[in-house]
């Protein structure tokens, strides 16, 4: 069974940091681009960041550039999202997703992704 499981979400104060993890089971991530998406209450899904299968290409939404960093450890079959300088507007459910794409850059559109995790809640509030 192919599965992605996110973890690391929590309640944090503005300016704080969190690291989200996306672990795969039932398949290896090395041929997949991985994207992080988020959805805040009452809002649509937003692409946050993505990494190509090799990790050599990454992309970030303007709203998180300079604050978030995506990385991957294919040996551990896990992708991470380091989130620093968190703001209340970062509050959302964060999802990771996998797109079978052994070559080339990652894509920001959610419709390109085949497998999705169940999400992890990130809340930023004082």
PDB file of N, CA and C in Angstrom:
ATOM      1  N   UNK A   1       0.843  -1.189   0.000  1.00  0.00           N
ATOM      2  CA  UNK A   1       0.000   0.000   0.000  1.00  0.00           C
ATOM      3  C   UNK A   1       0.881   1.243   0.000  1.00  0.00           C
ATOM      4  N   UNK A   2       0.647   2.102  -0.989  1.00  0.00           N
ATOM      5  CA  UNK A   2       1.431   3.326  -1.096  1.00  0.00           C
ATOM      6  C   UNK A   2       0.875   4.360  -0.129  1.00  0.00           C
ATOM      7  N   UNK A   3       1.756   4.918   0.665  1.00  0.00           N
ATOM      8  CA  UNK A   3       1.292   5.836   1.688  1.00  0.00           C
ATOM      9  C   UNK A   3       2.309   6.916   1.965  1.00  0.00           C
ATOM     10  N   UNK A   4       1.816   8.124   2.199  1.00  0.00           N
ATOM     11  CA  UNK A   4       2.629   9.232   2.673  1.00  0.00           C
ATOM     12  C   UNK A   4       2.078   9.653   4.030  1.00  0.00           C
ATOM     13  N   UNK A   5       2.970   9.868   4.982  1.00  0.00           N
ATOM     14  CA  UNK A   5       2.544  10.263   6.319  1.00  0.00           C
ATOM     15  C   UNK A   5       3.308  11.504   6.740  1.00  0.00           C
ATOM     16  N   UNK A   6       2.566  12.579   7.005  1.00  0.00           N
ATOM     17  CA  UNK A   6       3.179  13.804   7.490  1.00  0.00           C
ATOM     18  C   UNK A   6       3.215  13.795   9.016  1.00  0.00           C
ATOM     19  N   UNK A   7       4.193  14.482   9.557  1.00  0.00           N
ATOM     20  CA  UNK A   7       4.278  14.658  11.007  1.00  0.00           C
ATOM     21  C   UNK A   7       5.031  15.944  11.297  1.00  0.00           C
ATOM     22  N   UNK A   8       4.955  16.382  12.541  1.00  0.00           N
ATOM     23  CA  UNK A   8       5.703  17.555  12.963  1.00  0.00           C
ATOM     24  C   UNK A   8       4.863  18.804  13.172  1.00  0.00           C
ATOM     25  N   UNK A   9       3.594  18.751  12.796  1.00  0.00           N
ATOM     26  CA  UNK A   9       2.745  19.908  13.012  1.00  0.00           C
ATOM     27  C   UNK A   9       2.515  20.163  14.493  1.00  0.00           C
ATOM     28  N   UNK A  10       2.307  21.424  14.829  1.00  0.00           N
ATOM     29  CA  UNK A  10       2.148  21.773  16.246  1.00  0.00           C
ATOM     30  C   UNK A  10       1.619  23.195  16.350  1.00  0.00           C
ATOM     31  N   UNK A  11       1.362  23.624  17.569  1.00  0.00           N
ATOM     32  CA  UNK A  11       1.033  25.010  17.873  1.00  0.00           C
ATOM     33  C   UNK A  11       2.322  25.719  18.258  1.00  0.00           C
ATOM     34  N   UNK A  12       2.611  26.825  17.609  1.00  0.00           N
ATOM     35  CA  UNK A  12       3.854  27.544  17.853  1.00  0.00           C
ATOM     36  C   UNK A  12       3.572  29.043  17.866  1.00  0.00           C
ATOM     37  N   UNK A  13       4.381  29.790  18.585  1.00  0.00           N
ATOM     38  CA  UNK A  13       4.221  31.236  18.637  1.00  0.00           C
ATOM     39  C   UNK A  13       4.786  31.894  17.379  1.00  0.00           C
ATOM     40  N   UNK A  14       4.288  33.065  17.040  1.00  0.00           N
ATOM     41  CA  UNK A  14       4.869  33.791  15.898  1.00  0.00           C
ATOM     42  C   UNK A  14       6.372  33.958  16.073  1.00  0.00           C
ATOM     43  N   UNK A  15       7.100  33.768  14.980  1.00  0.00           N
ATOM     44  CA  UNK A  15       8.550  33.831  15.029  1.00  0.00           C
ATOM     45  C   UNK A  15       9.208  32.498  15.316  1.00  0.00           C
ATOM     46  N   UNK A  16       8.420  31.517  15.667  1.00  0.00           N
ATOM     47  CA  UNK A  16       8.966  30.208  15.995  1.00  0.00           C
ATOM     48  C   UNK A  16       9.253  29.371  14.757  1.00  0.00           C
ATOM     49  N   UNK A  17       9.702  28.136  15.014  1.00  0.00           N
ATOM     50  CA  UNK A  17      10.098  27.223  13.935  1.00  0.00           C
ATOM     51  C   UNK A  17       9.468  25.852  14.136  1.00  0.00           C
ATOM     52  N   UNK A  18       9.271  25.175  13.027  1.00  0.00           N
ATOM     53  CA  UNK A  18       8.825  23.786  13.031  1.00  0.00           C
ATOM     54  C   UNK A  18       9.501  23.080  11.864  1.00  0.00           C
ATOM     55  N   UNK A  19       9.678  21.764  12.015  1.00  0.00           N
ATOM     56  CA  UNK A  19      10.125  20.958  10.892  1.00  0.00           C
ATOM     57  C   UNK A  19       9.101  19.874  10.631  1.00  0.00           C
ATOM     58  N   UNK A  20       8.536  19.906   9.452  1.00  0.00           N
ATOM     59  CA  UNK A  20       7.587  18.879   9.044  1.00  0.00           C
ATOM     60  C   UNK A  20       8.330  17.761   8.327  1.00  0.00           C
ATOM     61  N   UNK A  21       7.844  16.552   8.514  1.00  0.00           N
ATOM     62  CA  UNK A  21       8.396  15.391   7.829  1.00  0.00           C
ATOM     63  C   UNK A  21       7.320  14.723   6.994  1.00  0.00           C
ATOM     64  N   UNK A  22       7.736  14.153   5.890  1.00  0.00           N
ATOM     65  CA  UNK A  22       6.838  13.401   5.008  1.00  0.00           C
ATOM     66  C   UNK A  22       7.529  12.075   4.720  1.00  0.00           C
ATOM     67  N   UNK A  23       7.023  11.019   5.317  1.00  0.00           N
ATOM     68  CA  UNK A  23       7.625   9.700   5.180  1.00  0.00           C
ATOM     69  C   UNK A  23       6.784   8.833   4.256  1.00  0.00           C
ATOM     70  N   UNK A  24       7.470   8.136   3.357  1.00  0.00           N
ATOM     71  CA  UNK A  24       6.774   7.260   2.415  1.00  0.00           C
ATOM     72  C   UNK A  24       6.886   5.814   2.848  1.00  0.00           C
ATOM     73  N   UNK A  25       5.842   5.073   2.598  1.00  0.00           N
ATOM     74  CA  UNK A  25       5.878   3.623   2.806  1.00  0.00           C
ATOM     75  C   UNK A  25       5.200   2.957   1.626  1.00  0.00           C
ATOM     76  N   UNK A  26       5.685   1.774   1.281  1.00  0.00           N
ATOM     77  CA  UNK A  26       5.123   1.038   0.150  1.00  0.00           C
ATOM     78  C   UNK A  26       5.733   1.409  -1.188  1.00  0.00           C
ATOM     79  N   UNK A  27       6.571   2.434  -1.213  1.00  0.00           N
ATOM     80  CA  UNK A  27       7.271   2.811  -2.438  1.00  0.00           C
ATOM     81  C   UNK A  27       8.467   3.667  -2.051  1.00  0.00           C
ATOM     82  N   UNK A  28       9.400   3.804  -2.971  1.00  0.00           N
ATOM     83  CA  UNK A  28      10.571   4.637  -2.708  1.00  0.00           C
ATOM     84  C   UNK A  28      10.378   5.990  -3.384  1.00  0.00           C
ATOM     85  N   UNK A  29      10.841   7.010  -2.708  1.00  0.00           N
ATOM     86  CA  UNK A  29      10.623   8.384  -3.186  1.00  0.00           C
ATOM     87  C   UNK A  29      11.617   8.844  -4.238  1.00  0.00           C
ATOM     88  N   UNK A  30      12.637   8.058  -4.500  1.00  0.00           N
ATOM     89  CA  UNK A  30      13.747   8.570  -5.298  1.00  0.00           C
ATOM     90  C   UNK A  30      13.352   8.950  -6.720  1.00  0.00           C
ATOM     91  N   UNK A  31      12.256   8.429  -7.251  1.00  0.00           N
ATOM     92  CA  UNK A  31      11.810   8.795  -8.599  1.00  0.00           C
ATOM     93  C   UNK A  31      10.658   9.783  -8.581  1.00  0.00           C
ATOM     94  N   UNK A  32      10.389  10.320  -7.418  1.00  0.00           N
ATOM     95  CA  UNK A  32       9.221  11.195  -7.268  1.00  0.00           C
ATOM     96  C   UNK A  32       9.631  12.611  -6.884  1.00  0.00           C
ATOM     97  N   UNK A  33       9.032  13.560  -7.561  1.00  0.00           N
ATOM     98  CA  UNK A  33       9.068  14.922  -7.048  1.00  0.00           C
ATOM     99  C   UNK A  33       8.087  14.997  -5.884  1.00  0.00           C
ATOM    100  N   UNK A  34       8.429  15.774  -4.888  1.00  0.00           N
ATOM    101  CA  UNK A  34       7.584  15.909  -3.708  1.00  0.00           C
ATOM    102  C   UNK A  34       7.194  17.367  -3.526  1.00  0.00           C
ATOM    103  N   UNK A  35       5.928  17.569  -3.268  1.00  0.00           N
ATOM    104  CA  UNK A  35       5.434  18.915  -3.013  1.00  0.00           C
ATOM    105  C   UNK A  35       4.816  19.027  -1.641  1.00  0.00           C
ATOM    106  N   UNK A  36       4.924  20.198  -1.070  1.00  0.00           N
ATOM    107  CA  UNK A  36       4.207  20.539   0.156  1.00  0.00           C
ATOM    108  C   UNK A  36       3.120  21.548  -0.209  1.00  0.00           C
ATOM    109  N   UNK A  37       1.930  21.288   0.278  1.00  0.00           N
ATOM    110  CA  UNK A  37       0.784  22.153   0.037  1.00  0.00           C
ATOM    111  C   UNK A  37       0.143  22.471   1.382  1.00  0.00           C
ATOM    112  N   UNK A  38      -0.656  23.508   1.415  1.00  0.00           N
ATOM    113  CA  UNK A  38      -1.359  23.824   2.648  1.00  0.00           C
ATOM    114  C   UNK A  38      -2.747  24.354   2.330  1.00  0.00           C
ATOM    115  N   UNK A  39      -3.612  24.192   3.307  1.00  0.00           N
ATOM    116  CA  UNK A  39      -4.965  24.701   3.167  1.00  0.00           C
ATOM    117  C   UNK A  39      -5.407  25.278   4.502  1.00  0.00           C
ATOM    118  N   UNK A  40      -5.676  26.566   4.487  1.00  0.00           N
ATOM    119  CA  UNK A  40      -6.163  27.255   5.673  1.00  0.00           C
ATOM    120  C   UNK A  40      -7.688  27.198   5.700  1.00  0.00           C
ATOM    121  N   UNK A  41      -8.294  27.354   6.864  1.00  0.00           N
ATOM    122  CA  UNK A  41      -9.765  27.318   6.944  1.00  0.00           C
ATOM    123  C   UNK A  41     -10.407  28.323   6.016  1.00  0.00           C
ATOM    124  N   UNK A  42     -11.350  27.870   5.212  1.00  0.00           N
ATOM    125  CA  UNK A  42     -12.081  28.755   4.316  1.00  0.00           C
ATOM    126  C   UNK A  42     -11.322  29.188   3.077  1.00  0.00           C
ATOM    127  N   UNK A  43     -10.132  28.605   2.876  1.00  0.00           N
ATOM    128  CA  UNK A  43      -9.328  28.993   1.721  1.00  0.00           C
ATOM    129  C   UNK A  43      -9.019  27.777   0.854  1.00  0.00           C
ATOM    130  N   UNK A  44      -8.582  28.036  -0.348  1.00  0.00           N
ATOM    131  CA  UNK A  44      -8.219  26.970  -1.247  1.00  0.00           C
ATOM    132  C   UNK A  44      -6.834  26.428  -0.958  1.00  0.00           C
ATOM    133  N   UNK A  45      -6.502  25.326  -1.582  1.00  0.00           N
ATOM    134  CA  UNK A  45      -5.189  24.725  -1.411  1.00  0.00           C
ATOM    135  C   UNK A  45      -4.127  25.590  -2.069  1.00  0.00           C
ATOM    136  N   UNK A  46      -3.003  25.715  -1.401  1.00  0.00           N
ATOM    137  CA  UNK A  46      -1.902  26.546  -1.884  1.00  0.00           C
ATOM    138  C   UNK A  46      -0.624  25.715  -1.959  1.00  0.00           C
ATOM    139  N   UNK A  47       0.077  25.821  -3.043  1.00  0.00           N
ATOM    140  CA  UNK A  47       1.381  25.188  -3.142  1.00  0.00           C
ATOM    141  C   UNK A  47       2.391  25.972  -2.330  1.00  0.00           C
ATOM    142  N   UNK A  48       3.157  25.276  -1.503  1.00  0.00           N
ATOM    143  CA  UNK A  48       4.130  25.920  -0.622  1.00  0.00           C
ATOM    144  C   UNK A  48       5.541  25.764  -1.166  1.00  0.00           C
ATOM    145  N   UNK A  49       5.896  24.532  -1.483  1.00  0.00           N
ATOM    146  CA  UNK A  49       7.248  24.259  -1.939  1.00  0.00           C
ATOM    147  C   UNK A  49       7.276  22.901  -2.613  1.00  0.00           C
ATOM    148  N   UNK A  50       8.293  22.681  -3.443  1.00  0.00           N
ATOM    149  CA  UNK A  50       8.466  21.353  -4.028  1.00  0.00           C
ATOM    150  C   UNK A  50       9.937  21.101  -4.289  1.00  0.00           C
ATOM    151  N   UNK A  51      10.278  19.822  -4.399  1.00  0.00           N
ATOM    152  CA  UNK A  51      11.632  19.417  -4.705  1.00  0.00           C
ATOM    153  C   UNK A  51      11.606  18.348  -5.791  1.00  0.00           C
ATOM    154  N   UNK A  52      12.545  18.427  -6.709  1.00  0.00           N
ATOM    155  CA  UNK A  52      12.638  17.418  -7.758  1.00  0.00           C
ATOM    156  C   UNK A  52      13.106  16.096  -7.157  1.00  0.00           C
ATOM    157  N   UNK A  53      13.060  15.043  -7.953  1.00  0.00           N
ATOM    158  CA  UNK A  53      13.404  13.719  -7.437  1.00  0.00           C
ATOM    159  C   UNK A  53      14.838  13.655  -6.907  1.00  0.00           C
ATOM    160  N   UNK A  54      15.728  14.385  -7.549  1.00  0.00           N
ATOM    161  CA  UNK A  54      17.127  14.391  -7.122  1.00  0.00           C
ATOM    162  C   UNK A  54      17.387  15.371  -5.981  1.00  0.00           C
ATOM    163  N   UNK A  55      16.457  16.297  -5.810  1.00  0.00           N
ATOM    164  CA  UNK A  55      16.676  17.364  -4.838  1.00  0.00           C
ATOM    165  C   UNK A  55      17.433  18.537  -5.409  1.00  0.00           C
ATOM    166  N   UNK A  56      17.823  18.435  -6.672  1.00  0.00           N
ATOM    167  CA  UNK A  56      18.622  19.487  -7.271  1.00  0.00           C
ATOM    168  C   UNK A  56      17.827  20.718  -7.676  1.00  0.00           C
ATOM    169  N   UNK A  57      16.539  20.577  -7.762  1.00  0.00           N
ATOM    170  CA  UNK A  57      15.673  21.701  -8.119  1.00  0.00           C
ATOM    171  C   UNK A  57      14.588  21.842  -7.070  1.00  0.00           C
ATOM    172  N   UNK A  58      14.398  23.055  -6.598  1.00  0.00           N
ATOM    173  CA  UNK A  58      13.364  23.336  -5.609  1.00  0.00           C
ATOM    174  C   UNK A  58      12.589  24.578  -6.039  1.00  0.00           C
ATOM    175  N   UNK A  59      11.426  24.743  -5.450  1.00  0.00           N
ATOM    176  CA  UNK A  59      10.601  25.898  -5.755  1.00  0.00           C
ATOM    177  C   UNK A  59       9.846  26.291  -4.491  1.00  0.00           C
ATOM    178  N   UNK A  60       9.609  27.592  -4.329  1.00  0.00           N
ATOM    179  CA  UNK A  60       8.905  28.101  -3.152  1.00  0.00           C
ATOM    180  C   UNK A  60       7.874  29.132  -3.560  1.00  0.00           C
ATOM    181  N   UNK A  61       6.768  29.130  -2.850  1.00  0.00           N
ATOM    182  CA  UNK A  61       5.797  30.202  -3.000  1.00  0.00           C
ATOM    183  C   UNK A  61       6.423  31.503  -2.491  1.00  0.00           C
ATOM    184  N   UNK A  62       6.030  32.612  -3.083  1.00  0.00           N
ATOM    185  CA  UNK A  62       6.599  33.896  -2.672  1.00  0.00           C
ATOM    186  C   UNK A  62       6.368  34.156  -1.183  1.00  0.00           C
ATOM    187  N   UNK A  63       5.255  33.672  -0.673  1.00  0.00           N
ATOM    188  CA  UNK A  63       4.893  33.938   0.718  1.00  0.00           C
ATOM    189  C   UNK A  63       5.815  33.246   1.722  1.00  0.00           C
ATOM    190  N   UNK A  64       6.575  32.263   1.284  1.00  0.00           N
ATOM    191  CA  UNK A  64       7.440  31.526   2.217  1.00  0.00           C
ATOM    192  C   UNK A  64       8.917  31.610   1.859  1.00  0.00           C
ATOM    193  N   UNK A  65       9.245  32.243   0.759  1.00  0.00           N
ATOM    194  CA  UNK A  65      10.652  32.344   0.347  1.00  0.00           C
ATOM    195  C   UNK A  65      11.493  33.017   1.434  1.00  0.00           C
ATOM    196  N   UNK A  66      12.639  32.424   1.691  1.00  0.00           N
ATOM    197  CA  UNK A  66      13.528  32.962   2.710  1.00  0.00           C
ATOM    198  C   UNK A  66      13.211  32.490   4.110  1.00  0.00           C
ATOM    199  N   UNK A  67      12.056  31.847   4.289  1.00  0.00           N
ATOM    200  CA  UNK A  67      11.671  31.367   5.629  1.00  0.00           C
ATOM    201  C   UNK A  67      11.579  29.835   5.679  1.00  0.00           C
ATOM    202  N   UNK A  68      11.154  29.232   4.579  1.00  0.00           N
ATOM    203  CA  UNK A  68      10.973  27.778   4.529  1.00  0.00           C
ATOM    204  C   UNK A  68      12.072  27.156   3.672  1.00  0.00           C
ATOM    205  N   UNK A  69      12.474  25.949   4.040  1.00  0.00           N
ATOM    206  CA  UNK A  69      13.450  25.201   3.266  1.00  0.00           C
ATOM    207  C   UNK A  69      12.992  23.763   3.125  1.00  0.00           C
ATOM    208  N   UNK A  70      12.948  23.296   1.888  1.00  0.00           N
ATOM    209  CA  UNK A  70      12.579  21.908   1.624  1.00  0.00           C
ATOM    210  C   UNK A  70      13.853  21.103   1.409  1.00  0.00           C
ATOM    211  N   UNK A  71      13.855  19.880   1.905  1.00  0.00           N
ATOM    212  CA  UNK A  71      14.998  19.000   1.706  1.00  0.00           C
ATOM    213  C   UNK A  71      14.507  17.559   1.675  1.00  0.00           C
ATOM    214  N   UNK A  72      15.360  16.688   1.186  1.00  0.00           N
ATOM    215  CA  UNK A  72      14.949  15.291   1.123  1.00  0.00           C
ATOM    216  C   UNK A  72      16.117  14.397   1.462  1.00  0.00           C
ATOM    217  N   UNK A  73      15.812  13.260   2.055  1.00  0.00           N
ATOM    218  CA  UNK A  73      16.789  12.236   2.357  1.00  0.00           C
ATOM    219  C   UNK A  73      16.243  10.954   1.744  1.00  0.00           C
ATOM    220  N   UNK A  74      16.667  10.668   0.534  1.00  0.00           N
ATOM    221  CA  UNK A  74      16.118   9.498  -0.157  1.00  0.00           C
ATOM    222  C   UNK A  74      16.494   8.196   0.546  1.00  0.00           C
ATOM    223  N   UNK A  75      17.606   8.199   1.246  1.00  0.00           N
ATOM    224  CA  UNK A  75      17.998   6.993   1.982  1.00  0.00           C
ATOM    225  C   UNK A  75      17.003   6.686   3.100  1.00  0.00           C
ATOM    226  N   UNK A  76      16.409   7.739   3.654  1.00  0.00           N
ATOM    227  CA  UNK A  76      15.400   7.567   4.704  1.00  0.00           C
ATOM    228  C   UNK A  76      13.982   7.620   4.145  1.00  0.00           C
ATOM    229  N   UNK A  77      13.886   7.803   2.820  1.00  0.00           N
ATOM    230  CA  UNK A  77      12.570   7.855   2.175  1.00  0.00           C
ATOM    231  C   UNK A  77      11.681   8.935   2.783  1.00  0.00           C
ATOM    232  N   UNK A  78      12.303  10.081   3.061  1.00  0.00           N
ATOM    233  CA  UNK A  78      11.618  11.146   3.783  1.00  0.00           C
ATOM    234  C   UNK A  78      11.972  12.502   3.183  1.00  0.00           C
ATOM    235  N   UNK A  79      10.991  13.378   3.170  1.00  0.00           N
ATOM    236  CA  UNK A  79      11.181  14.764   2.750  1.00  0.00           C
ATOM    237  C   UNK A  79      10.808  15.658   3.919  1.00  0.00           C
ATOM    238  N   UNK A  80      11.523  16.768   4.050  1.00  0.00           N
ATOM    239  CA  UNK A  80      11.330  17.660   5.178  1.00  0.00           C
ATOM    240  C   UNK A  80      10.950  19.056   4.694  1.00  0.00           C
ATOM    241  N   UNK A  81      10.262  19.771   5.555  1.00  0.00           N
ATOM    242  CA  UNK A  81       9.997  21.187   5.330  1.00  0.00           C
ATOM    243  C   UNK A  81      10.354  21.918   6.608  1.00  0.00           C
ATOM    244  N   UNK A  82      11.477  22.621   6.584  1.00  0.00           N
ATOM    245  CA  UNK A  82      11.894  23.438   7.721  1.00  0.00           C
ATOM    246  C   UNK A  82      11.223  24.791   7.609  1.00  0.00           C
ATOM    247  N   UNK A  83      10.496  25.166   8.632  1.00  0.00           N
ATOM    248  CA  UNK A  83       9.738  26.411   8.608  1.00  0.00           C
ATOM    249  C   UNK A  83      10.226  27.308   9.739  1.00  0.00           C
ATOM    250  N   UNK A  84      10.796  28.435   9.367  1.00  0.00           N
ATOM    251  CA  UNK A  84      11.298  29.399  10.334  1.00  0.00           C
ATOM    252  C   UNK A  84      10.510  30.693  10.249  1.00  0.00           C
ATOM    253  N   UNK A  85      10.658  31.524  11.266  1.00  0.00           N
ATOM    254  CA  UNK A  85       9.984  32.829  11.298  1.00  0.00           C
ATOM    255  C   UNK A  85       8.507  32.692  10.966  1.00  0.00           C
ATOM    256  N   UNK A  86       7.858  31.771  11.620  1.00  0.00           N
ATOM    257  CA  UNK A  86       6.457  31.493  11.317  1.00  0.00           C
ATOM    258  C   UNK A  86       5.561  32.668  11.656  1.00  0.00           C
ATOM    259  N   UNK A  87       4.547  32.821  10.831  1.00  0.00           N
ATOM    260  CA  UNK A  87       3.584  33.911  10.973  1.00  0.00           C
ATOM    261  C   UNK A  87       2.186  33.330  11.179  1.00  0.00           C
ATOM    262  N   UNK A  88       1.294  34.086  11.768  1.00  0.00           N
ATOM    263  CA  UNK A  88      -0.086  33.581  11.923  1.00  0.00           C
ATOM    264  C   UNK A  88      -0.711  33.151  10.596  1.00  0.00           C
ATOM    265  N   UNK A  89      -0.357  33.817   9.530  1.00  0.00           N
ATOM    266  CA  UNK A  89      -0.925  33.448   8.224  1.00  0.00           C
ATOM    267  C   UNK A  89      -0.386  32.137   7.672  1.00  0.00           C
ATOM    268  N   UNK A  90       0.581  31.547   8.345  1.00  0.00           N
ATOM    269  CA  UNK A  90       1.059  30.215   7.972  1.00  0.00           C
ATOM    270  C   UNK A  90       0.179  29.108   8.556  1.00  0.00           C
ATOM    271  N   UNK A  91      -0.757  29.482   9.390  1.00  0.00           N
ATOM    272  CA  UNK A  91      -1.653  28.504   9.992  1.00  0.00           C
ATOM    273  C   UNK A  91      -2.466  27.787   8.925  1.00  0.00           C
ATOM    274  N   UNK A  92      -2.379  26.470   8.924  1.00  0.00           N
ATOM    275  CA  UNK A  92      -3.059  25.662   7.906  1.00  0.00           C
ATOM    276  C   UNK A  92      -2.801  24.188   8.184  1.00  0.00           C
ATOM    277  N   UNK A  93      -3.525  23.352   7.455  1.00  0.00           N
ATOM    278  CA  UNK A  93      -3.168  21.938   7.381  1.00  0.00           C
ATOM    279  C   UNK A  93      -2.180  21.790   6.236  1.00  0.00           C
ATOM    280  N   UNK A  94      -1.057  21.158   6.537  1.00  0.00           N
ATOM    281  CA  UNK A  94       0.001  20.980   5.551  1.00  0.00           C
ATOM    282  C   UNK A  94      -0.007  19.542   5.047  1.00  0.00           C
ATOM    283  N   UNK A  95       0.048  19.411   3.737  1.00  0.00           N
ATOM    284  CA  UNK A  95       0.028  18.113   3.085  1.00  0.00           C
ATOM    285  C   UNK A  95       1.286  17.936   2.247  1.00  0.00           C
ATOM    286  N   UNK A  96       1.807  16.720   2.200  1.00  0.00           N
ATOM    287  CA  UNK A  96       2.829  16.408   1.218  1.00  0.00           C
ATOM    288  C   UNK A  96       2.207  15.517   0.144  1.00  0.00           C
ATOM    289  N   UNK A  97       2.788  15.583  -1.035  1.00  0.00           N
ATOM    290  CA  UNK A  97       2.268  14.822  -2.167  1.00  0.00           C
ATOM    291  C   UNK A  97       3.426  14.392  -3.047  1.00  0.00           C
ATOM    292  N   UNK A  98       3.233  13.274  -3.762  1.00  0.00           N
ATOM    293  CA  UNK A  98       4.275  12.700  -4.608  1.00  0.00           C
ATOM    294  C   UNK A  98       3.820  12.657  -6.058  1.00  0.00           C
ATOM    295  N   UNK A  99       4.729  13.038  -6.920  1.00  0.00           N
ATOM    296  CA  UNK A  99       4.498  13.067  -8.370  1.00  0.00           C
ATOM    297  C   UNK A  99       5.605  12.242  -9.026  1.00  0.00           C
ATOM    298  N   UNK A 100       5.223  11.144  -9.717  1.00  0.00           N
ATOM    299  CA  UNK A 100       6.237  10.311 -10.369  1.00  0.00           C
ATOM    300  C   UNK A 100       6.888  11.109 -11.489  1.00  0.00           C
ATOM    301  N   UNK A 101       8.130  11.523 -11.242  1.00  0.00           N
ATOM    302  CA  UNK A 101       8.829  12.411 -12.185  1.00  0.00           C
ATOM    303  C   UNK A 101      10.332  12.204 -11.990  1.00  0.00           C
ATOM    304  N   UNK A 102      10.892  11.156 -12.610  1.00  0.00           N
ATOM    305  CA  UNK A 102      12.303  10.830 -12.357  1.00  0.00           C
ATOM    306  C   UNK A 102      13.278  11.895 -12.845  1.00  0.00           C
ATOM    307  N   UNK A 103      12.848  12.728 -13.814  1.00  0.00           N
ATOM    308  CA  UNK A 103      13.734  13.767 -14.317  1.00  0.00           C
ATOM    309  C   UNK A 103      13.010  15.100 -14.334  1.00  0.00           C
ATOM    310  N   UNK A 104      13.768  16.137 -14.382  1.00  0.00           N
ATOM    311  CA  UNK A 104      13.181  17.449 -14.547  1.00  0.00           C
ATOM    312  C   UNK A 104      12.789  18.110 -13.242  1.00  0.00           C
ATOM    313  N   UNK A 105      12.304  19.307 -13.394  1.00  0.00           N
ATOM    314  CA  UNK A 105      11.958  20.108 -12.216  1.00  0.00           C
ATOM    315  C   UNK A 105      10.621  19.672 -11.626  1.00  0.00           C
ATOM    316  N   UNK A 106      10.403  20.056 -10.384  1.00  0.00           N
ATOM    317  CA  UNK A 106       9.119  19.760  -9.748  1.00  0.00           C
ATOM    318  C   UNK A 106       8.087  20.788 -10.203  1.00  0.00           C
ATOM    319  N   UNK A 107       6.839  20.430 -10.044  1.00  0.00           N
ATOM    320  CA  UNK A 107       5.735  21.288 -10.459  1.00  0.00           C
ATOM    321  C   UNK A 107       4.958  21.789  -9.246  1.00  0.00           C
ATOM    322  N   UNK A 108       4.390  22.962  -9.383  1.00  0.00           N
ATOM    323  CA  UNK A 108       3.682  23.581  -8.265  1.00  0.00           C
ATOM    324  C   UNK A 108       2.197  23.267  -8.243  1.00  0.00           C
ATOM    325  N   UNK A 109       1.686  22.702  -9.335  1.00  0.00           N
ATOM    326  CA  UNK A 109       0.249  22.463  -9.420  1.00  0.00           C
ATOM    327  C   UNK A 109      -0.130  21.151  -8.749  1.00  0.00           C
ATOM    328  N   UNK A 110      -1.062  21.229  -7.834  1.00  0.00           N
ATOM    329  CA  UNK A 110      -1.460  20.044  -7.107  1.00  0.00           C
ATOM    330  C   UNK A 110      -2.025  18.949  -7.983  1.00  0.00           C
ATOM    331  N   UNK A 111      -2.634  19.315  -9.081  1.00  0.00           N
ATOM    332  CA  UNK A 111      -3.263  18.309  -9.948  1.00  0.00           C
ATOM    333  C   UNK A 111      -2.232  17.368 -10.574  1.00  0.00           C
ATOM    334  N   UNK A 112      -0.968  17.730 -10.538  1.00  0.00           N
ATOM    335  CA  UNK A 112       0.080  16.892 -11.105  1.00  0.00           C
ATOM    336  C   UNK A 112       0.475  15.755 -10.156  1.00  0.00           C
ATOM    337  N   UNK A 113       0.058  15.823  -8.929  1.00  0.00           N
ATOM    338  CA  UNK A 113       0.530  14.894  -7.903  1.00  0.00           C
ATOM    339  C   UNK A 113      -0.430  13.715  -7.748  1.00  0.00           C
ATOM    340  N   UNK A 114       0.173  12.539  -7.593  1.00  0.00           N
ATOM    341  CA  UNK A 114      -0.593  11.296  -7.603  1.00  0.00           C
ATOM    342  C   UNK A 114      -0.966  10.798  -6.216  1.00  0.00           C
ATOM    343  N   UNK A 115      -0.084  10.993  -5.256  1.00  0.00           N
ATOM    344  CA  UNK A 115      -0.298  10.451  -3.916  1.00  0.00           C
ATOM    345  C   UNK A 115      -0.228  11.581  -2.903  1.00  0.00           C
ATOM    346  N   UNK A 116      -1.118  11.506  -1.932  1.00  0.00           N
ATOM    347  CA  UNK A 116      -1.230  12.561  -0.924  1.00  0.00           C
ATOM    348  C   UNK A 116      -1.241  11.950   0.475  1.00  0.00           C
ATOM    349  N   UNK A 117      -0.662  12.699   1.408  1.00  0.00           N
ATOM    350  CA  UNK A 117      -0.761  12.321   2.807  1.00  0.00           C
ATOM    351  C   UNK A 117      -2.050  12.845   3.411  1.00  0.00           C
ATOM    352  N   UNK A 118      -2.214  12.555   4.695  1.00  0.00           N
ATOM    353  CA  UNK A 118      -3.453  12.930   5.379  1.00  0.00           C
ATOM    354  C   UNK A 118      -3.402  14.333   5.981  1.00  0.00           C
ATOM    355  N   UNK A 119      -2.225  14.913   6.031  1.00  0.00           N
ATOM    356  CA  UNK A 119      -2.082  16.274   6.516  1.00  0.00           C
ATOM    357  C   UNK A 119      -1.664  16.356   7.967  1.00  0.00           C
ATOM    358  N   UNK A 120      -1.011  17.461   8.312  1.00  0.00           N
ATOM    359  CA  UNK A 120      -0.626  17.748   9.692  1.00  0.00           C
ATOM    360  C   UNK A 120      -0.930  19.220   9.965  1.00  0.00           C
ATOM    361  N   UNK A 121      -1.478  19.493  11.148  1.00  0.00           N
ATOM    362  CA  UNK A 121      -1.939  20.839  11.475  1.00  0.00           C
ATOM    363  C   UNK A 121      -0.781  21.686  11.999  1.00  0.00           C
ATOM    364  N   UNK A 122      -0.626  22.855  11.408  1.00  0.00           N
ATOM    365  CA  UNK A 122       0.316  23.866  11.899  1.00  0.00           C
ATOM    366  C   UNK A 122      -0.502  25.080  12.321  1.00  0.00           C
ATOM    367  N   UNK A 123      -0.338  25.469  13.562  1.00  0.00           N
ATOM    368  CA  UNK A 123      -1.049  26.639  14.092  1.00  0.00           C
ATOM    369  C   UNK A 123      -0.025  27.612  14.657  1.00  0.00           C
ATOM    370  N   UNK A 124      -0.102  28.854  14.215  1.00  0.00           N
ATOM    371  CA  UNK A 124       0.821  29.885  14.668  1.00  0.00           C
ATOM    372  C   UNK A 124       0.003  30.962  15.375  1.00  0.00           C
ATOM    373  N   UNK A 125       0.191  31.047  16.669  1.00  0.00           N
ATOM    374  CA  UNK A 125      -0.614  31.979  17.461  1.00  0.00           C
ATOM    375  C   UNK A 125       0.089  32.271  18.774  1.00  0.00           C
ATOM    376  N   UNK A 126      -0.113  33.499  19.264  1.00  0.00           N
ATOM    377  CA  UNK A 126       0.428  33.855  20.570  1.00  0.00           C
ATOM    378  C   UNK A 126      -0.603  33.592  21.671  1.00  0.00           C
TER     379      UNK A 126
END
